[in-house]
């Protein structure tokens, strides 16, 4: 459970309100929370390079970090690197 500032619609003013203080709870789960529930003989983990396998999306588009935009950029940067290793040259880099 995470305490959050949650935007809401105010019916009388017909506006979306962004609260200054925490006004609600979000019940969040992460993949790690499931580890305790799995059968050990059917569970495995891989250790990988973060920049090649992980681009978090936790925020809305337009956010400075962990958004669909930043994930897309990280993925494009990864793919551009693969092409450059094969000799492809780009006019610009990510």
N, C-alpha and C. Protein backbone atom coordinates (compact mmCIF):
# COMPACT_ATOMS: atom_id res chain seq x y z
N UNK A 1 0.86 -1.17 0.00
CA UNK A 1 0.00 0.00 0.00
C UNK A 1 0.90 1.24 0.00
N UNK A 2 0.63 2.14 -0.91
CA UNK A 2 1.42 3.36 -1.01
C UNK A 2 0.52 4.58 -0.84
N UNK A 3 0.95 5.49 0.02
CA UNK A 3 0.21 6.74 0.21
C UNK A 3 0.57 7.67 -0.94
N UNK A 4 -0.44 8.23 -1.61
CA UNK A 4 -0.21 9.03 -2.82
C UNK A 4 -1.09 10.27 -2.85
N UNK A 5 -0.64 11.22 -3.65
CA UNK A 5 -1.47 12.37 -4.03
C UNK A 5 -2.21 11.93 -5.29
N UNK A 6 -3.52 11.76 -5.19
CA UNK A 6 -4.30 11.24 -6.31
C UNK A 6 -5.21 12.34 -6.85
N UNK A 7 -5.04 12.63 -8.14
CA UNK A 7 -5.90 13.63 -8.78
C UNK A 7 -7.34 13.13 -8.77
N UNK A 8 -8.28 14.08 -8.72
CA UNK A 8 -9.68 13.71 -8.74
C UNK A 8 -10.51 14.78 -9.42
N UNK A 9 -11.69 14.40 -9.84
CA UNK A 9 -12.61 15.31 -10.52
C UNK A 9 -13.54 15.92 -9.47
N UNK A 10 -13.59 17.26 -9.45
CA UNK A 10 -14.48 17.97 -8.54
C UNK A 10 -15.75 18.30 -9.32
N UNK A 11 -16.84 17.66 -8.92
CA UNK A 11 -18.10 17.77 -9.66
C UNK A 11 -18.62 19.21 -9.75
N UNK A 12 -18.58 19.94 -8.67
CA UNK A 12 -19.16 21.29 -8.67
C UNK A 12 -18.37 22.25 -9.54
N UNK A 13 -17.03 22.21 -9.45
CA UNK A 13 -16.22 23.14 -10.26
C UNK A 13 -15.91 22.58 -11.64
N UNK A 14 -16.22 21.29 -11.83
CA UNK A 14 -15.97 20.60 -13.10
C UNK A 14 -14.49 20.68 -13.50
N UNK A 15 -13.61 20.50 -12.51
CA UNK A 15 -12.17 20.56 -12.74
C UNK A 15 -11.50 19.31 -12.19
N UNK A 16 -10.36 19.01 -12.77
CA UNK A 16 -9.49 17.98 -12.22
C UNK A 16 -8.64 18.66 -11.15
N UNK A 17 -8.67 18.15 -9.95
CA UNK A 17 -7.93 18.73 -8.83
C UNK A 17 -6.68 17.91 -8.57
N UNK A 18 -5.55 18.60 -8.47
CA UNK A 18 -4.30 17.98 -8.06
C UNK A 18 -4.07 18.36 -6.61
N UNK A 19 -4.21 17.43 -5.68
CA UNK A 19 -4.11 17.78 -4.27
C UNK A 19 -2.69 18.16 -3.86
N UNK A 20 -2.59 19.03 -2.87
CA UNK A 20 -1.29 19.43 -2.34
C UNK A 20 -0.77 18.40 -1.35
N UNK A 21 -1.68 17.67 -0.72
CA UNK A 21 -1.30 16.69 0.29
C UNK A 21 -1.78 15.29 -0.12
N UNK A 22 -1.25 14.30 0.53
CA UNK A 22 -1.66 12.92 0.29
C UNK A 22 -3.14 12.79 0.61
N UNK A 23 -3.87 12.19 -0.33
CA UNK A 23 -5.31 12.06 -0.13
C UNK A 23 -5.83 10.65 -0.39
N UNK A 24 -4.94 9.70 -0.59
CA UNK A 24 -5.42 8.36 -0.85
C UNK A 24 -4.33 7.32 -0.82
N UNK A 25 -4.74 6.10 -1.08
CA UNK A 25 -3.83 4.96 -1.09
C UNK A 25 -3.93 4.26 -2.43
N UNK A 26 -2.81 3.76 -2.91
CA UNK A 26 -2.80 2.90 -4.08
C UNK A 26 -2.24 1.56 -3.63
N UNK A 27 -2.91 0.52 -4.05
CA UNK A 27 -2.47 -0.82 -3.69
C UNK A 27 -1.64 -1.34 -4.84
N UNK A 28 -0.33 -1.33 -4.64
CA UNK A 28 0.60 -1.68 -5.71
C UNK A 28 1.26 -3.02 -5.41
N UNK A 29 1.50 -3.76 -6.46
CA UNK A 29 2.26 -4.99 -6.36
C UNK A 29 3.39 -4.93 -7.37
N UNK A 30 4.46 -5.58 -7.04
CA UNK A 30 5.60 -5.67 -7.94
C UNK A 30 5.88 -7.14 -8.20
N UNK A 31 6.58 -7.44 -9.25
CA UNK A 31 6.89 -8.82 -9.60
C UNK A 31 7.57 -9.54 -8.43
N UNK A 32 8.36 -8.82 -7.67
CA UNK A 32 9.08 -9.42 -6.55
C UNK A 32 8.13 -9.94 -5.47
N UNK A 33 6.94 -9.35 -5.38
CA UNK A 33 5.96 -9.79 -4.38
C UNK A 33 5.47 -11.20 -4.67
N UNK A 34 5.54 -11.64 -5.91
CA UNK A 34 5.07 -12.97 -6.28
C UNK A 34 6.10 -14.06 -5.98
N UNK A 35 7.34 -13.71 -5.77
CA UNK A 35 8.38 -14.72 -5.57
C UNK A 35 8.07 -15.66 -4.41
N UNK A 36 7.47 -15.15 -3.35
CA UNK A 36 7.17 -15.97 -2.19
C UNK A 36 6.02 -16.94 -2.45
N UNK A 37 5.28 -16.75 -3.51
CA UNK A 37 4.11 -17.57 -3.79
C UNK A 37 4.36 -18.70 -4.79
N UNK A 38 5.53 -18.74 -5.39
CA UNK A 38 5.79 -19.73 -6.44
C UNK A 38 6.36 -21.01 -5.86
N UNK A 39 6.22 -22.06 -6.65
CA UNK A 39 6.82 -23.34 -6.27
C UNK A 39 8.29 -23.31 -6.67
N UNK A 40 9.20 -23.49 -5.72
CA UNK A 40 10.64 -23.35 -6.02
C UNK A 40 11.13 -24.21 -7.18
N UNK A 41 10.58 -25.41 -7.34
CA UNK A 41 11.04 -26.30 -8.41
C UNK A 41 10.56 -25.84 -9.79
N UNK A 42 9.65 -24.87 -9.83
CA UNK A 42 9.14 -24.36 -11.10
C UNK A 42 9.50 -22.90 -11.32
N UNK A 43 10.47 -22.43 -10.57
CA UNK A 43 10.81 -21.00 -10.61
C UNK A 43 12.28 -20.84 -10.92
N UNK A 44 12.60 -19.85 -11.74
CA UNK A 44 14.00 -19.57 -12.04
C UNK A 44 14.20 -18.09 -12.29
N UNK A 45 15.40 -17.64 -12.14
CA UNK A 45 15.76 -16.24 -12.37
C UNK A 45 16.93 -16.17 -13.33
N UNK A 46 16.99 -15.10 -14.07
CA UNK A 46 18.13 -14.81 -14.93
C UNK A 46 18.72 -13.49 -14.50
N UNK A 47 20.02 -13.42 -14.46
CA UNK A 47 20.69 -12.14 -14.21
C UNK A 47 21.11 -11.58 -15.56
N UNK A 48 20.64 -10.38 -15.86
CA UNK A 48 20.88 -9.77 -17.17
C UNK A 48 21.39 -8.34 -16.98
N UNK A 49 21.92 -7.79 -18.06
CA UNK A 49 22.34 -6.39 -18.02
C UNK A 49 21.09 -5.52 -18.06
N UNK A 50 20.93 -4.67 -17.08
CA UNK A 50 19.73 -3.85 -16.95
C UNK A 50 19.46 -3.04 -18.21
N UNK A 51 20.48 -2.41 -18.77
CA UNK A 51 20.27 -1.53 -19.93
C UNK A 51 19.84 -2.30 -21.18
N UNK A 52 19.99 -3.63 -21.18
CA UNK A 52 19.56 -4.42 -22.32
C UNK A 52 18.20 -5.09 -22.12
N UNK A 53 17.73 -5.15 -20.89
CA UNK A 53 16.54 -5.93 -20.61
C UNK A 53 15.43 -5.20 -19.85
N UNK A 54 15.68 -3.97 -19.41
CA UNK A 54 14.70 -3.35 -18.53
C UNK A 54 14.55 -1.88 -18.84
N UNK A 55 13.32 -1.47 -19.07
CA UNK A 55 12.98 -0.06 -19.25
C UNK A 55 11.66 0.17 -18.51
N UNK A 56 11.72 0.67 -17.31
CA UNK A 56 10.51 0.79 -16.50
C UNK A 56 9.50 1.78 -17.07
N UNK A 57 8.24 1.44 -16.90
CA UNK A 57 7.14 2.35 -17.26
C UNK A 57 6.25 2.44 -16.03
N UNK A 58 6.49 3.48 -15.24
CA UNK A 58 5.71 3.68 -14.02
C UNK A 58 4.96 5.00 -14.03
N UNK A 59 5.33 5.88 -14.96
CA UNK A 59 4.74 7.21 -15.00
C UNK A 59 4.04 7.45 -16.33
N UNK A 60 3.25 8.49 -16.37
CA UNK A 60 2.48 8.84 -17.56
C UNK A 60 3.38 9.36 -18.68
N UNK A 61 2.91 9.31 -19.91
CA UNK A 61 3.67 9.90 -21.01
C UNK A 61 4.00 11.36 -20.71
N UNK A 62 5.21 11.76 -21.09
CA UNK A 62 5.65 13.14 -20.86
C UNK A 62 6.45 13.31 -19.59
N UNK A 63 6.42 12.32 -18.69
CA UNK A 63 7.20 12.41 -17.46
C UNK A 63 8.68 12.32 -17.80
N UNK A 64 9.50 12.91 -16.95
CA UNK A 64 10.94 12.97 -17.20
C UNK A 64 11.62 11.61 -17.08
N UNK A 65 11.04 10.70 -16.32
CA UNK A 65 11.67 9.38 -16.17
C UNK A 65 10.60 8.30 -16.03
N UNK A 66 11.00 7.08 -16.37
CA UNK A 66 10.15 5.90 -16.22
C UNK A 66 8.78 6.05 -16.90
N UNK A 67 8.78 6.62 -18.09
CA UNK A 67 7.53 6.83 -18.84
C UNK A 67 7.60 6.02 -20.14
N UNK A 68 6.49 5.91 -20.85
CA UNK A 68 6.55 5.26 -22.16
C UNK A 68 7.56 5.93 -23.09
N UNK A 69 7.71 7.24 -22.96
CA UNK A 69 8.67 7.97 -23.81
C UNK A 69 10.11 7.57 -23.51
N UNK A 70 10.45 7.50 -22.21
CA UNK A 70 11.83 7.15 -21.86
C UNK A 70 12.11 5.68 -22.17
N UNK A 71 11.09 4.81 -22.02
CA UNK A 71 11.27 3.40 -22.36
C UNK A 71 11.52 3.24 -23.86
N UNK A 72 10.77 3.99 -24.66
CA UNK A 72 10.95 3.95 -26.12
C UNK A 72 12.35 4.42 -26.50
N UNK A 73 12.83 5.47 -25.83
CA UNK A 73 14.18 5.97 -26.12
C UNK A 73 15.24 4.94 -25.75
N UNK A 74 15.08 4.31 -24.59
CA UNK A 74 16.04 3.28 -24.18
C UNK A 74 16.07 2.12 -25.17
N UNK A 75 14.89 1.70 -25.63
CA UNK A 75 14.82 0.61 -26.59
C UNK A 75 15.44 1.02 -27.93
N UNK A 76 15.18 2.24 -28.36
CA UNK A 76 15.77 2.72 -29.61
C UNK A 76 17.29 2.81 -29.50
N UNK A 77 17.77 3.27 -28.35
CA UNK A 77 19.21 3.35 -28.12
C UNK A 77 19.85 1.96 -28.18
N UNK A 78 19.20 0.97 -27.58
CA UNK A 78 19.69 -0.40 -27.61
C UNK A 78 19.76 -0.92 -29.04
N UNK A 79 18.68 -0.74 -29.78
CA UNK A 79 18.65 -1.23 -31.16
C UNK A 79 19.65 -0.50 -32.05
N UNK A 80 19.81 0.79 -31.85
CA UNK A 80 20.80 1.53 -32.63
C UNK A 80 22.19 0.98 -32.35
N UNK A 81 22.46 0.65 -31.10
CA UNK A 81 23.76 0.07 -30.75
C UNK A 81 24.00 -1.25 -31.46
N UNK A 82 22.96 -2.07 -31.57
CA UNK A 82 23.11 -3.34 -32.29
C UNK A 82 23.49 -3.10 -33.75
N UNK A 83 22.82 -2.14 -34.38
CA UNK A 83 23.14 -1.83 -35.78
C UNK A 83 24.55 -1.28 -35.92
N UNK A 84 24.94 -0.41 -34.99
CA UNK A 84 26.29 0.18 -35.06
C UNK A 84 27.36 -0.89 -34.92
N UNK A 85 27.12 -1.91 -34.13
CA UNK A 85 28.08 -3.02 -33.99
C UNK A 85 28.25 -3.78 -35.30
N UNK A 86 27.25 -3.68 -36.18
CA UNK A 86 27.31 -4.33 -37.48
C UNK A 86 27.80 -3.39 -38.58
N UNK A 87 28.22 -2.18 -38.18
CA UNK A 87 28.82 -1.25 -39.13
C UNK A 87 27.87 -0.20 -39.68
N UNK A 88 26.63 -0.19 -39.27
CA UNK A 88 25.69 0.81 -39.74
C UNK A 88 26.00 2.14 -39.06
N UNK A 89 26.00 3.22 -39.84
CA UNK A 89 26.26 4.55 -39.28
C UNK A 89 24.97 5.37 -39.31
N UNK A 90 24.78 6.14 -38.24
CA UNK A 90 23.60 6.99 -38.13
C UNK A 90 24.02 8.44 -38.11
N UNK A 91 23.16 9.30 -38.63
CA UNK A 91 23.44 10.74 -38.62
C UNK A 91 23.37 11.29 -37.20
N UNK A 92 22.50 10.76 -36.39
CA UNK A 92 22.37 11.24 -35.01
C UNK A 92 22.29 10.04 -34.08
N UNK A 93 22.60 10.32 -32.82
CA UNK A 93 22.57 9.28 -31.80
C UNK A 93 21.50 9.63 -30.77
N UNK A 94 21.00 8.62 -30.13
CA UNK A 94 20.06 8.83 -29.03
C UNK A 94 20.83 9.20 -27.79
